[in-house]
Amino acid sequence: MHVELREIRDFLAGHPPFHLLPEAVLDQLPQWIEIRYLRRGDPFPPDGEQPRLFVVRKGAVALHDRSGRLREKLGEGDAAADQCAKPSMDSEIRGEAVEDTLLYEIPCARIHRLREMSEPFDRHFSADLRQRLKDALDLVQDAEGAFPYPWITLRDLLHGPPVMVSTQESIRQAAKRMTDAGVSSVLVTEDGALAGIVTDSDLRRRCVAVGRSVEQPVREIMTPEPHTASPDATLMEALTLMTRLQVHHLPVASGSEVLGMFSTSDVARLQNAHPAYLIRDIARAREVDELVRACRRLPHLQAQLVAASASARQVGEVVSCITDALTDRLLVLAEARIGPPPVPYVWVVGGSQSRREQSVHSDQDNALILSDDYEPRAHGAYFEALAREVSDGLDACGFPYCPGDAMATNTQWRQPLHVWRGYFRRWIETPEPKALMLSCIFFDLRPIRGRFSLFETLQAEVLERSRHNSIFLAHMVANALTHRPPLGFFRSFVLIHDGKHDDTLDLKHRGTVPIVDMARVYALAHGLPQVSTVERLHAAGEAGALSREMAENLADAFEFISSV
């Protein structure tokens, strides 16, 4: 096969739905393909005498419905098969190339022939849920474009029992099982229990790319102990979890019984502002300006989530996940510009981002924990530049500098591990007012990128010290009590009268902050590693630090006040 045709064949083999085709059929594909070039702004689908399936080889295409609302954005490897599945597509959906784009075109007559030749390929089209979800859910989508699917559960989306292999079976057997079933992942079991998961990506990265023998046990390349979701979890909850974990496949289990597999390919490509696609665009950005443009979609995304009745916790988790991805990408771009770090580090965040309770335009709280090999004269300039690039990037993307300067750009919060140990030791042993103020930020740290063991070492020591220091905990309780609920003697609301915000109710400092502070105290008093306020309350209830009923009541109160 000619090298250009081989390149086309290999490209299609790596993207759905063509990855479902047998090798012999894939070899025939290139001879059926026409190549078309679209300039930015050219209409899509391009004019043609016959319906076709389109694959984006390079570039991007935006699709709109009749009302002009963005329906989908196609990037490299994405296929538009609507003309083959629904001939009326040409009159219903129109779009344009949003950048110079190279397309592969395959006549629908050929696609129908491929469906006859391959059952998995045919099943992809006949069981394709994405367009049906769009059509059905459009009936209830309001004019403001809110997310329309909060009530759909994973149970509704499962296509059948999952494909499984045992840990003893070979990589070859697992790959064959996936190919035969036409799926992009397989669950790995041991003694009947879920032990791991293997995806197409794992096969490429952990087997083919490193030259590993396909006769080795599949356990050698599996991701062990994958997260699972309940079949009663809503689509919103599942997508939030997948966004947070940065995974594309999620096993669905009820207790120890695995019921099926949920993946991003099961979901309609909703809108360009969907968090999964926003995170994808962030991960692909090569310049800070691209990140700035991507983050302009955040306010609209948050408004959509609220309009769709997403809980305050879900909104906070989604926004925090996006900020995590943004921070990670800024660190990658900074390292690409100034070079690799001279010593290991971990970038950590505090405040609402660390607790996954962030909203759009929250100010940034971050720090750098450096290896004890750090030498200020030799390495200081590098980490100062790294911190400045990331902090400036966050500010440009809508997350302003911290008014209290609790950022890695401040030399005080850019220190080696032994210095951080000293900080926390003093704060715990000498809990004066400034230490208590700092504890609200730095006792909620969470790592984003780097050597996580630096953070884990520090966290373990802090939890051990704090739980055994009753004086420190007493001061933390007293500090928490300075934020009282805004209730008067006769249960009327106490309003602010400071000349600037007269006759207003401060729901943050008088509503959510007392619960956040209380949850932090319980976590420190009982050595609980959780950082999220709701997770801390639930963990405290499980540990017997407070009754489960009280934990649920506080969590519900926090959710209610946060959503007002």
Protein backbone atom coordinates (compact mmCIF):
# COMPACT_ATOMS: atom_id res chain seq x y z
CA MET A 1 0.00 0.00 0.00
CA HIS A 2 1.30 3.46 -0.92
CA VAL A 3 2.57 5.48 2.04
CA GLU A 4 -0.12 8.20 1.69
CA LEU A 5 -2.88 5.60 1.57
CA ARG A 6 -1.37 3.81 4.56
CA GLU A 7 -1.41 7.08 6.50
CA ILE A 8 -5.11 7.58 5.71
CA ARG A 9 -5.89 4.00 6.68
CA ASP A 10 -4.00 4.24 9.98
CA PHE A 11 -5.61 7.57 10.84
CA LEU A 12 -9.14 6.22 10.35
CA ALA A 13 -8.30 3.02 12.23
CA GLY A 14 -7.54 5.12 15.29
CA HIS A 15 -10.88 6.94 15.40
CA PRO A 16 -14.50 5.83 15.85
CA PRO A 17 -16.42 4.36 14.18
CA PHE A 18 -13.73 3.01 11.84
CA HIS A 19 -11.77 1.41 14.69
CA LEU A 20 -14.56 -1.20 14.75
CA LEU A 21 -13.79 -2.47 11.25
CA PRO A 22 -11.73 -5.61 10.56
CA GLU A 23 -8.18 -5.13 9.28
CA ALA A 24 -9.01 -6.37 5.79
CA VAL A 25 -11.86 -3.88 5.43
CA LEU A 26 -9.71 -1.03 6.76
CA ASP A 27 -7.22 -1.75 4.00
CA GLN A 28 -9.94 -1.02 1.41
CA LEU A 29 -11.04 2.29 2.92
CA PRO A 30 -8.49 4.69 1.40
CA GLN A 31 -9.55 3.92 -2.19
CA TRP A 32 -13.10 5.09 -1.38
CA ILE A 33 -12.09 8.40 0.15
CA GLU A 34 -12.14 11.85 -1.42
CA ILE A 35 -10.18 14.68 0.15
CA ARG A 36 -11.59 18.20 0.36
CA TYR A 37 -10.07 21.42 1.67
CA LEU A 38 -12.20 24.10 3.33
CA ARG A 39 -10.98 27.59 4.06
CA ARG A 40 -11.98 29.24 7.30
CA GLY A 41 -15.56 30.43 6.92
CA ASP A 42 -16.47 28.02 4.11
CA PRO A 43 -19.91 26.39 4.55
CA PHE A 44 -20.31 22.85 5.85
CA PRO A 45 -21.42 20.39 4.61
CA PRO A 46 -19.83 21.27 1.27
CA ASP A 47 -21.97 20.97 -1.83
CA GLY A 48 -22.13 17.52 -3.39
CA GLU A 49 -24.37 15.35 -5.50
CA GLN A 50 -24.58 12.48 -3.04
CA PRO A 51 -24.81 12.17 0.75
CA ARG A 52 -21.49 11.51 2.47
CA LEU A 53 -19.85 10.85 5.79
CA PHE A 54 -17.22 13.44 6.70
CA VAL A 55 -14.14 12.99 8.88
CA VAL A 56 -12.11 15.99 10.02
CA ARG A 57 -8.45 15.25 9.29
CA LYS A 58 -7.19 18.66 10.36
CA GLY A 59 -8.92 21.83 11.49
CA ALA A 60 -12.36 22.32 13.04
CA VAL A 61 -16.00 22.66 11.97
CA ALA A 62 -18.88 24.22 13.93
CA LEU A 63 -22.43 22.95 13.35
CA HIS A 64 -25.58 25.00 14.04
CA ASP A 65 -29.27 24.12 14.04
CA ARG A 66 -31.99 26.08 12.25
CA SER A 67 -32.13 28.70 15.01
CA GLY A 68 -28.41 29.32 14.77
CA ARG A 69 -27.63 27.66 18.09
CA LEU A 70 -24.30 25.85 18.21
CA ARG A 71 -24.99 22.12 18.22
CA GLU A 72 -21.56 20.58 17.91
CA LYS A 73 -17.92 21.36 17.23
CA LEU A 74 -15.96 18.79 15.25
CA GLY A 75 -12.21 18.52 15.71
CA GLU A 76 -9.49 16.25 14.39
CA GLY A 77 -10.74 12.67 14.09
CA ASP A 78 -14.42 13.55 14.62
CA ALA A 79 -16.94 12.18 12.12
CA ALA A 80 -20.19 13.73 10.87
CA ALA A 81 -22.35 10.81 9.78
CA ASP A 82 -25.71 12.55 9.87
CA GLN A 83 -26.22 12.51 6.08
CA CYS A 84 -25.83 8.73 6.11
CA ALA A 85 -28.02 8.20 9.17
CA LYS A 86 -30.55 10.92 8.39
CA PRO A 87 -30.70 12.24 4.80
CA SER A 88 -32.50 15.42 5.88
CA MET A 89 -29.39 16.60 7.71
CA ASP A 90 -28.50 18.94 4.86
CA SER A 91 -31.61 21.03 5.49
CA GLU A 92 -31.58 20.84 9.28
CA ILE A 93 -27.98 21.46 10.27
CA ARG A 94 -25.57 23.89 8.72
CA GLY A 95 -22.13 24.94 9.76
CA GLU A 96 -18.84 26.40 8.73
CA ALA A 97 -15.14 25.73 9.03
CA VAL A 98 -13.87 27.74 11.99
CA GLU A 99 -10.30 27.28 10.77
CA ASP A 100 -8.67 25.95 7.61
CA THR A 101 -9.87 22.35 7.48
CA LEU A 102 -9.00 19.14 5.64
CA LEU A 103 -11.87 16.64 5.26
CA TYR A 104 -12.09 13.00 4.30
CA GLU A 105 -15.36 12.17 2.51
CA ILE A 106 -16.89 8.71 2.10
CA PRO A 107 -20.13 8.23 0.11
CA CYS A 108 -23.00 6.96 2.25
CA ALA A 109 -23.45 4.08 -0.18
CA ARG A 110 -20.03 2.86 0.91
CA ILE A 111 -20.93 3.36 4.57
CA HIS A 112 -24.04 1.20 4.11
CA ARG A 113 -21.83 -1.44 2.52
CA LEU A 114 -19.46 -1.30 5.50
CA ARG A 115 -22.41 -1.78 7.85
CA GLU A 116 -23.28 -4.96 6.01
CA MET A 117 -19.68 -6.18 6.28
CA SER A 118 -19.21 -5.49 10.01
CA GLU A 119 -21.75 -6.07 12.77
CA PRO A 120 -19.92 -3.88 15.36
CA PHE A 121 -19.73 -1.05 12.80
CA ASP A 122 -23.44 -1.42 12.05
CA ARG A 123 -24.24 -1.49 15.77
CA HIS A 124 -22.43 1.81 16.20
CA PHE A 125 -24.95 3.45 13.86
CA SER A 126 -28.10 1.60 14.89
CA ALA A 127 -27.39 2.05 18.60
CA ASP A 128 -25.94 5.54 18.30
CA LEU A 129 -27.55 7.40 21.15
CA ARG A 130 -26.02 10.78 20.52
CA GLN A 131 -28.31 12.20 17.86
CA ARG A 132 -31.42 10.63 19.42
CA LEU A 133 -30.55 12.27 22.72
CA LYS A 134 -30.16 15.61 20.98
CA ASP A 135 -33.50 15.35 19.20
CA ALA A 136 -35.44 14.18 22.25
CA LEU A 137 -33.87 16.61 24.65
CA ASP A 138 -34.29 19.58 22.32
CA LEU A 139 -38.00 19.33 23.07
CA VAL A 140 -37.36 20.41 26.64
CA GLN A 141 -34.37 22.68 26.14
CA ASP A 142 -35.32 26.24 26.95
CA ALA A 143 -34.52 29.25 24.85
CA GLU A 144 -31.48 30.14 26.95
CA GLY A 145 -29.73 26.91 26.07
CA ALA A 146 -29.65 25.32 29.52
CA PHE A 147 -28.29 21.81 29.95
CA PRO A 148 -31.32 19.58 29.30
CA TYR A 149 -30.38 16.26 30.81
CA PRO A 150 -30.15 16.41 34.62
CA TRP A 151 -32.74 13.63 35.15
CA ILE A 152 -31.26 10.99 32.79
CA THR A 153 -29.53 8.21 34.71
CA LEU A 154 -26.70 5.93 33.67
CA ARG A 155 -29.12 3.01 33.88
CA ASP A 156 -31.00 4.59 30.95
CA LEU A 157 -27.81 4.78 28.90
CA LEU A 158 -26.39 1.28 29.34
CA HIS A 159 -26.37 -0.80 26.15
CA GLY A 160 -25.81 -4.18 27.77
CA PRO A 161 -23.46 -6.15 30.02
CA PRO A 162 -19.81 -5.06 30.00
CA VAL A 163 -17.05 -6.84 28.12
CA MET A 164 -14.74 -8.54 30.62
CA VAL A 165 -11.48 -10.50 30.78
CA SER A 166 -9.61 -12.01 33.71
CA THR A 167 -6.25 -10.76 34.96
CA GLN A 168 -4.67 -14.00 33.69
CA GLU A 169 -5.73 -13.52 30.07
CA SER A 170 -3.24 -12.05 27.64
CA ILE A 171 -3.18 -8.57 26.16
CA ARG A 172 -3.90 -10.17 22.78
CA GLN A 173 -7.02 -11.88 24.14
CA ALA A 174 -8.24 -8.63 25.67
CA ALA A 175 -7.70 -6.74 22.40
CA LYS A 176 -9.53 -9.45 20.45
CA ARG A 177 -12.43 -9.35 22.92
CA MET A 178 -12.68 -5.58 22.44
CA THR A 179 -12.51 -5.89 18.65
CA ASP A 180 -15.13 -8.64 18.51
CA ALA A 181 -17.50 -6.65 20.71
CA GLY A 182 -16.81 -3.36 18.95
CA VAL A 183 -15.95 -1.51 22.16
CA SER A 184 -13.10 0.78 23.18
CA SER A 185 -12.55 -0.64 26.67
CA VAL A 186 -12.66 -3.89 28.62
CA LEU A 187 -13.02 -4.54 32.34
CA VAL A 188 -10.49 -6.80 34.05
CA THR A 189 -11.67 -9.09 36.86
CA GLU A 190 -9.96 -11.24 39.46
CA ASP A 191 -11.92 -13.91 41.33
CA GLY A 192 -15.11 -12.34 40.00
CA ALA A 193 -14.34 -8.87 41.38
CA LEU A 194 -13.47 -5.77 39.37
CA ALA A 195 -9.69 -5.36 39.35
CA GLY A 196 -9.01 -2.89 36.56
CA ILE A 197 -9.82 -1.45 33.16
CA VAL A 198 -8.01 -1.43 29.81
CA THR A 199 -8.86 1.08 27.07
CA ASP A 200 -7.73 1.64 23.50
CA SER A 201 -5.42 4.31 24.86
CA ASP A 202 -3.83 1.82 27.28
CA LEU A 203 -3.19 -0.60 24.43
CA ARG A 204 -1.44 2.11 22.43
CA ARG A 205 0.55 3.74 25.25
CA ARG A 206 1.40 0.79 27.47
CA CYS A 207 1.76 -1.97 24.90
CA VAL A 208 2.33 -0.94 21.29
CA ALA A 209 4.33 2.23 21.95
CA VAL A 210 6.76 0.50 24.34
CA GLY A 211 7.07 -2.75 22.41
CA ARG A 212 5.50 -4.91 25.10
CA SER A 213 4.63 -8.48 24.12
CA VAL A 214 0.92 -8.99 23.55
CA GLU A 215 1.26 -12.39 25.21
CA GLN A 216 1.87 -10.80 28.62
CA PRO A 217 -1.03 -10.82 31.12
CA VAL A 218 -3.47 -7.98 30.62
CA ARG A 219 -2.98 -6.96 34.26
CA GLU A 220 0.40 -5.52 33.20
CA ILE A 221 -1.26 -2.69 31.28
CA MET A 222 -4.57 -2.26 33.12
CA THR A 223 -5.48 0.75 35.22
CA PRO A 224 -6.14 -0.85 38.62
CA GLU A 225 -9.14 -0.18 40.86
CA PRO A 226 -11.06 2.14 38.51
CA HIS A 227 -13.67 4.48 39.93
CA THR A 228 -17.25 3.30 39.46
CA ALA A 229 -20.60 5.06 39.32
CA SER A 230 -24.03 4.01 40.53
CA PRO A 231 -26.59 3.13 37.84
CA ASP A 232 -28.86 5.69 39.50
CA ALA A 233 -26.29 8.48 39.07
CA THR A 234 -27.51 11.18 36.71
CA LEU A 235 -25.69 12.04 33.52
CA MET A 236 -24.70 15.36 35.11
CA GLU A 237 -23.16 13.56 38.09
CA ALA A 238 -21.32 11.09 35.85
CA LEU A 239 -19.90 13.81 33.62
CA THR A 240 -18.83 15.82 36.66
CA LEU A 241 -17.02 12.78 38.05
CA MET A 242 -15.37 11.99 34.70
CA THR A 243 -14.30 15.60 34.31
CA ARG A 244 -12.82 15.58 37.79
CA LEU A 245 -11.00 12.26 37.22
CA GLN A 246 -10.07 13.13 33.62
CA VAL A 247 -11.24 9.74 32.32
CA HIS A 248 -13.32 8.76 29.28
CA HIS A 249 -14.68 5.44 30.59
CA LEU A 250 -16.63 4.84 33.79
CA PRO A 251 -17.75 1.37 34.95
CA VAL A 252 -21.32 1.34 36.28
CA ALA A 253 -21.79 -0.89 39.32
CA SER A 254 -24.42 -1.68 41.92
CA GLY A 255 -22.53 -2.91 44.95
CA SER A 256 -20.06 -5.51 43.73
CA GLU A 257 -22.02 -6.21 40.53
CA VAL A 258 -20.74 -4.42 37.43
CA LEU A 259 -23.68 -3.63 35.15
CA GLY A 260 -22.03 -1.92 32.21
CA MET A 261 -19.68 0.72 30.93
CA PHE A 262 -20.39 4.40 30.36
CA SER A 263 -18.09 6.43 28.12
CA THR A 264 -17.96 9.86 26.58
CA SER A 265 -18.84 8.34 23.21
CA ASP A 266 -22.27 7.46 24.66
CA VAL A 267 -23.13 11.10 25.17
CA ALA A 268 -24.41 13.60 22.69
CA ARG A 269 -21.94 16.30 21.84
CA LEU A 270 -24.07 18.95 23.45
CA GLN A 271 -22.69 22.43 23.12
CA ASN A 272 -19.27 23.90 22.69
CA ALA A 273 -19.50 25.25 26.24
CA HIS A 274 -19.86 21.79 27.76
CA PRO A 275 -17.17 21.34 30.44
CA ALA A 276 -15.68 18.27 28.79
CA TYR A 277 -15.11 20.19 25.55
CA LEU A 278 -13.88 23.29 27.33
CA ILE A 279 -11.32 21.18 29.18
CA ARG A 280 -10.36 19.56 25.86
CA ASP A 281 -9.74 22.98 24.32
CA ILE A 282 -7.69 24.02 27.34
CA ALA A 283 -5.57 20.88 27.07
CA ARG A 284 -4.92 21.58 23.37
CA ALA A 285 -3.99 25.25 23.82
CA ARG A 286 -0.45 26.16 22.80
CA GLU A 287 -0.50 29.81 23.85
CA VAL A 288 -1.93 31.75 26.78
CA ASP A 289 -4.10 33.74 24.35
CA GLU A 290 -5.87 30.51 23.39
CA LEU A 291 -6.55 29.80 27.06
CA VAL A 292 -7.95 33.31 27.52
CA ARG A 293 -10.36 32.79 24.62
CA ALA A 294 -11.44 29.40 25.94
CA CYS A 295 -12.11 30.74 29.44
CA ARG A 296 -14.42 33.43 28.10
CA ARG A 297 -16.98 30.62 27.85
CA LEU A 298 -16.88 29.99 31.60
CA PRO A 299 -19.47 32.57 32.76
CA HIS A 300 -22.00 31.26 30.22
CA LEU A 301 -21.24 27.68 31.24
CA GLN A 302 -21.88 28.48 34.90
CA ALA A 303 -25.14 30.24 33.99
CA GLN A 304 -26.23 27.20 31.96
CA LEU A 305 -25.54 24.84 34.85
CA VAL A 306 -27.53 27.00 37.25
CA ALA A 307 -30.41 27.32 34.77
CA ALA A 308 -30.48 23.53 34.45
CA SER A 309 -30.92 23.18 38.24
CA ALA A 310 -27.44 21.77 38.80
CA SER A 311 -26.63 21.78 42.50
CA ALA A 312 -24.19 24.31 43.93
CA ARG A 313 -21.83 21.42 44.63
CA GLN A 314 -21.95 20.28 40.99
CA VAL A 315 -21.35 23.81 39.73
CA GLY A 316 -18.42 24.22 42.12
CA GLU A 317 -16.88 20.92 41.08
CA VAL A 318 -17.19 21.66 37.37
CA VAL A 319 -15.70 25.17 37.66
CA SER A 320 -12.92 23.88 39.92
CA CYS A 321 -12.12 21.05 37.49
CA ILE A 322 -11.82 23.57 34.68
CA THR A 323 -9.56 25.78 36.80
CA ASP A 324 -7.46 22.73 37.67
CA ALA A 325 -7.07 21.96 33.96
CA LEU A 326 -6.23 25.60 33.26
CA THR A 327 -3.60 25.70 36.01
CA ASP A 328 -2.07 22.45 34.79
CA ARG A 329 -1.88 23.71 31.21
CA LEU A 330 -0.31 27.01 32.30
CA LEU A 331 2.37 25.05 34.15
CA VAL A 332 3.03 22.91 31.06
CA LEU A 333 3.32 26.00 28.84
CA ALA A 334 5.54 27.76 31.37
CA GLU A 335 7.90 24.78 31.57
CA ALA A 336 8.01 24.65 27.78
CA ARG A 337 9.13 28.28 27.69
CA ILE A 338 11.60 28.42 30.58
CA GLY A 339 12.77 24.81 30.62
CA PRO A 340 12.32 21.82 32.94
CA PRO A 341 12.39 22.42 36.71
CA PRO A 342 15.86 22.19 38.29
CA VAL A 343 14.43 20.38 41.33
CA PRO A 344 11.07 18.65 41.93
CA TYR A 345 8.09 20.76 42.97
CA VAL A 346 4.36 20.49 43.47
CA TRP A 347 1.91 23.30 42.69
CA VAL A 348 -0.87 23.40 45.27
CA VAL A 349 -4.07 25.42 45.48
CA GLY A 350 -6.06 26.59 48.48
CA GLY A 351 -9.40 28.20 49.24
CA SER A 352 -12.51 27.47 47.21
CA GLN A 353 -10.60 25.86 44.33
CA SER A 354 -8.97 23.31 46.62
CA ARG A 355 -12.35 22.53 48.21
CA ARG A 356 -13.90 22.25 44.71
CA GLU A 357 -16.37 24.99 45.60
CA GLN A 358 -15.16 27.60 43.14
CA SER A 359 -17.24 29.97 41.06
CA VAL A 360 -16.33 32.07 38.06
CA HIS A 361 -13.97 34.98 38.80
CA SER A 362 -12.89 33.65 42.22
CA ASP A 363 -9.50 35.04 43.18
CA GLN A 364 -6.55 32.67 43.13
CA ASP A 365 -4.91 31.05 46.18
CA ASN A 366 -1.85 28.97 45.35
CA ALA A 367 1.64 28.03 46.50
CA LEU A 368 4.74 26.05 45.56
CA ILE A 369 6.17 23.28 47.73
CA LEU A 370 9.73 22.66 46.56
CA SER A 371 12.06 19.74 47.12
CA ASP A 372 14.53 20.14 49.97
CA ASP A 373 17.23 20.05 47.27
CA TYR A 374 16.16 23.61 46.43
CA GLU A 375 18.88 26.25 46.67
CA PRO A 376 17.65 29.87 46.49
CA ARG A 377 20.63 31.26 44.58
CA ALA A 378 20.73 28.46 42.02
CA HIS A 379 17.01 27.80 41.60
CA GLY A 380 15.17 30.87 42.88
CA ALA A 381 14.95 32.72 39.57
CA TYR A 382 13.43 29.70 37.81
CA PHE A 383 10.59 29.19 40.28
CA GLU A 384 9.92 32.92 40.53
CA ALA A 385 9.47 33.00 36.75
CA LEU A 386 7.31 29.86 36.83
CA ALA A 387 5.04 31.31 39.51
CA ARG A 388 4.75 34.64 37.71
CA GLU A 389 3.80 33.06 34.37
CA VAL A 390 1.11 30.87 35.92
CA SER A 391 -0.33 33.58 38.16
CA ASP A 392 -0.40 36.12 35.33
CA GLY A 393 -2.06 33.53 33.10
CA LEU A 394 -4.76 32.81 35.68
CA ASP A 395 -5.43 36.53 36.04
CA ALA A 396 -5.68 36.95 32.26
CA CYS A 397 -8.19 34.07 32.17
CA GLY A 398 -10.48 35.70 34.72
CA PHE A 399 -9.13 34.50 38.07
CA PRO A 400 -7.71 37.67 39.68
CA TYR A 401 -4.71 37.94 41.96
CA CYS A 402 -5.34 37.25 45.64
CA PRO A 403 -5.84 40.56 47.51
CA GLY A 404 -3.95 39.04 50.46
CA ASP A 405 -1.06 37.94 48.21
CA ALA A 406 -1.51 34.25 49.12
CA MET A 407 0.08 33.16 45.85
CA ALA A 408 3.20 31.38 44.68
CA THR A 409 4.50 34.71 43.37
CA ASN A 410 5.03 35.68 47.02
CA THR A 411 8.42 34.31 48.12
CA GLN A 412 6.91 33.35 51.48
CA TRP A 413 4.62 30.82 49.75
CA ARG A 414 7.31 29.46 47.42
CA GLN A 415 9.50 27.43 49.76
CA PRO A 416 11.08 23.97 50.20
CA LEU A 417 9.29 21.26 52.15
CA HIS A 418 11.23 21.77 55.40
CA VAL A 419 10.21 25.45 55.48
CA TRP A 420 6.55 24.52 54.97
CA ARG A 421 6.85 22.04 57.81
CA GLY A 422 8.10 24.88 59.98
CA TYR A 423 5.21 27.12 58.94
CA PHE A 424 2.55 24.59 59.93
CA ARG A 425 4.36 23.65 63.13
CA ARG A 426 4.34 27.31 64.25
CA TRP A 427 0.73 27.83 63.20
CA ILE A 428 -0.38 24.80 65.19
CA GLU A 429 1.80 25.40 68.27
CA THR A 430 1.33 29.19 68.34
CA PRO A 431 -2.18 29.87 67.01
CA GLU A 432 -2.12 33.66 67.04
CA PRO A 433 -4.66 35.63 64.92
CA LYS A 434 -2.58 35.77 61.74
CA ALA A 435 -1.92 32.03 61.92
CA LEU A 436 -5.64 31.37 62.24
CA MET A 437 -6.32 33.58 59.23
CA LEU A 438 -3.73 31.71 57.16
CA SER A 439 -5.15 28.37 58.29
CA CYS A 440 -8.35 29.13 56.37
CA ILE A 441 -6.27 28.98 53.17
CA PHE A 442 -3.35 26.67 53.79
CA PHE A 443 -5.11 23.95 55.79
CA ASP A 444 -7.22 23.32 52.67
CA LEU A 445 -4.40 22.65 50.21
CA ARG A 446 -4.76 20.30 47.23
CA PRO A 447 -2.04 19.37 44.69
CA ILE A 448 -2.45 20.13 40.98
CA ARG A 449 0.80 19.25 39.23
CA GLY A 450 4.27 18.06 40.13
CA ARG A 451 5.59 15.59 42.66
CA PHE A 452 2.51 14.86 44.76
CA SER A 453 4.58 13.07 47.41
CA LEU A 454 5.86 16.46 48.60
CA PHE A 455 2.29 17.47 49.43
CA GLU A 456 1.33 14.08 50.84
CA THR A 457 4.28 14.12 53.24
CA LEU A 458 3.31 17.57 54.47
CA GLN A 459 -0.40 16.75 54.77
CA ALA A 460 0.24 13.59 56.81
CA GLU A 461 2.41 15.50 59.26
CA VAL A 462 -0.08 18.38 59.58
CA LEU A 463 -3.02 16.05 60.27
CA GLU A 464 -1.01 14.15 62.88
CA ARG A 465 0.07 17.35 64.66
CA SER A 466 -3.29 19.10 64.57
CA ARG A 467 -5.40 16.24 65.90
CA HIS A 468 -3.31 16.03 69.07
CA ASN A 469 -3.13 19.76 69.84
CA SER A 470 -6.23 20.71 71.82
CA ILE A 471 -5.12 24.34 72.27
CA PHE A 472 -4.83 24.83 68.52
CA LEU A 473 -8.22 23.20 67.94
CA ALA A 474 -9.81 25.39 70.62
CA HIS A 475 -8.50 28.50 68.87
CA MET A 476 -9.79 27.18 65.55
CA VAL A 477 -13.24 26.71 67.08
CA ALA A 478 -13.16 30.21 68.55
CA ASN A 479 -12.15 31.62 65.17
CA ALA A 480 -15.01 29.74 63.49
CA LEU A 481 -17.47 31.21 65.98
CA THR A 482 -16.58 34.75 64.90
CA HIS A 483 -18.69 34.09 61.81
CA ARG A 484 -22.18 33.80 63.25
CA PRO A 485 -25.41 33.16 61.33
CA PRO A 486 -27.24 36.45 60.56
CA LEU A 487 -30.16 35.82 62.93
CA GLY A 488 -31.53 38.28 65.48
CA PHE A 489 -33.10 37.61 68.88
CA PHE A 490 -36.56 37.17 67.39
CA ARG A 491 -35.27 35.04 64.45
CA SER A 492 -35.26 37.99 62.08
CA PHE A 493 -32.34 38.45 59.71
CA VAL A 494 -29.53 40.75 60.80
CA LEU A 495 -28.62 42.95 57.85
CA ILE A 496 -25.34 44.73 57.13
CA HIS A 497 -25.04 48.43 57.99
CA ASP A 498 -21.52 49.43 56.99
CA GLY A 499 -22.32 52.37 54.74
CA LYS A 500 -21.30 50.44 51.62
CA HIS A 501 -23.64 47.45 51.70
CA ASP A 502 -26.50 48.79 53.83
CA ASP A 503 -29.56 46.57 54.29
CA THR A 504 -27.97 43.54 52.63
CA LEU A 505 -27.42 39.98 53.81
CA ASP A 506 -23.88 38.55 53.65
CA LEU A 507 -24.58 34.91 52.81
CA LYS A 508 -20.90 34.08 52.34
CA HIS A 509 -19.36 35.27 55.61
CA ARG A 510 -22.51 34.75 57.69
CA GLY A 511 -23.86 31.67 55.89
CA THR A 512 -21.41 29.36 54.13
CA VAL A 513 -18.18 30.36 55.90
CA PRO A 514 -19.35 29.14 59.34
CA ILE A 515 -20.08 25.70 57.84
CA VAL A 516 -16.76 25.65 55.95
CA ASP A 517 -14.91 26.55 59.16
CA MET A 518 -16.81 23.94 61.16
CA ALA A 519 -16.04 21.21 58.63
CA ARG A 520 -12.35 22.18 58.67
CA VAL A 521 -12.21 21.91 62.47
CA TYR A 522 -13.76 18.43 62.39
CA ALA A 523 -11.29 17.34 59.70
CA LEU A 524 -8.26 18.60 61.63
CA ALA A 525 -9.51 17.24 64.96
CA HIS A 526 -9.96 13.73 63.57
CA GLY A 527 -7.13 13.57 61.03
CA LEU A 528 -9.46 13.44 58.02
CA PRO A 529 -7.72 14.03 54.66
CA GLN A 530 -10.83 15.27 52.83
CA VAL A 531 -10.77 18.91 51.66
CA SER A 532 -14.26 19.53 50.23
CA THR A 533 -16.66 20.90 52.84
CA VAL A 534 -19.41 18.36 52.08
CA GLU A 535 -16.91 15.48 51.96
CA ARG A 536 -15.47 16.61 55.30
CA LEU A 537 -18.93 16.67 56.87
CA HIS A 538 -19.79 13.20 55.58
CA ALA A 539 -16.41 11.84 56.70
CA ALA A 540 -16.93 13.38 60.14
CA GLY A 541 -20.33 11.70 60.34
CA GLU A 542 -18.82 8.34 59.38
CA ALA A 543 -16.04 8.79 61.95
CA GLY A 544 -18.53 9.54 64.72
CA ALA A 545 -17.25 13.08 65.20
CA LEU A 546 -20.87 14.23 64.86
CA SER A 547 -24.09 12.40 64.19
CA ARG A 548 -24.84 11.38 60.63
CA GLU A 549 -28.09 13.31 60.84
CA MET A 550 -26.23 16.48 61.84
CA ALA A 551 -23.68 15.92 59.06
CA GLU A 552 -26.48 15.61 56.50
CA ASN A 553 -28.27 18.68 57.88
CA LEU A 554 -25.11 20.78 57.67
CA ALA A 555 -24.37 19.52 54.16
CA ASP A 556 -27.92 20.34 53.08
CA ALA A 557 -27.70 23.79 54.65
CA PHE A 558 -24.40 24.44 52.88
CA GLU A 559 -25.90 23.35 49.55
CA PHE A 560 -29.00 25.49 50.04
CA ILE A 561 -27.16 28.67 51.05
CA SER A 562 -24.59 28.21 48.27
CA SER A 563 -27.35 27.93 45.68
CA VAL A 564 -29.19 31.11 46.72
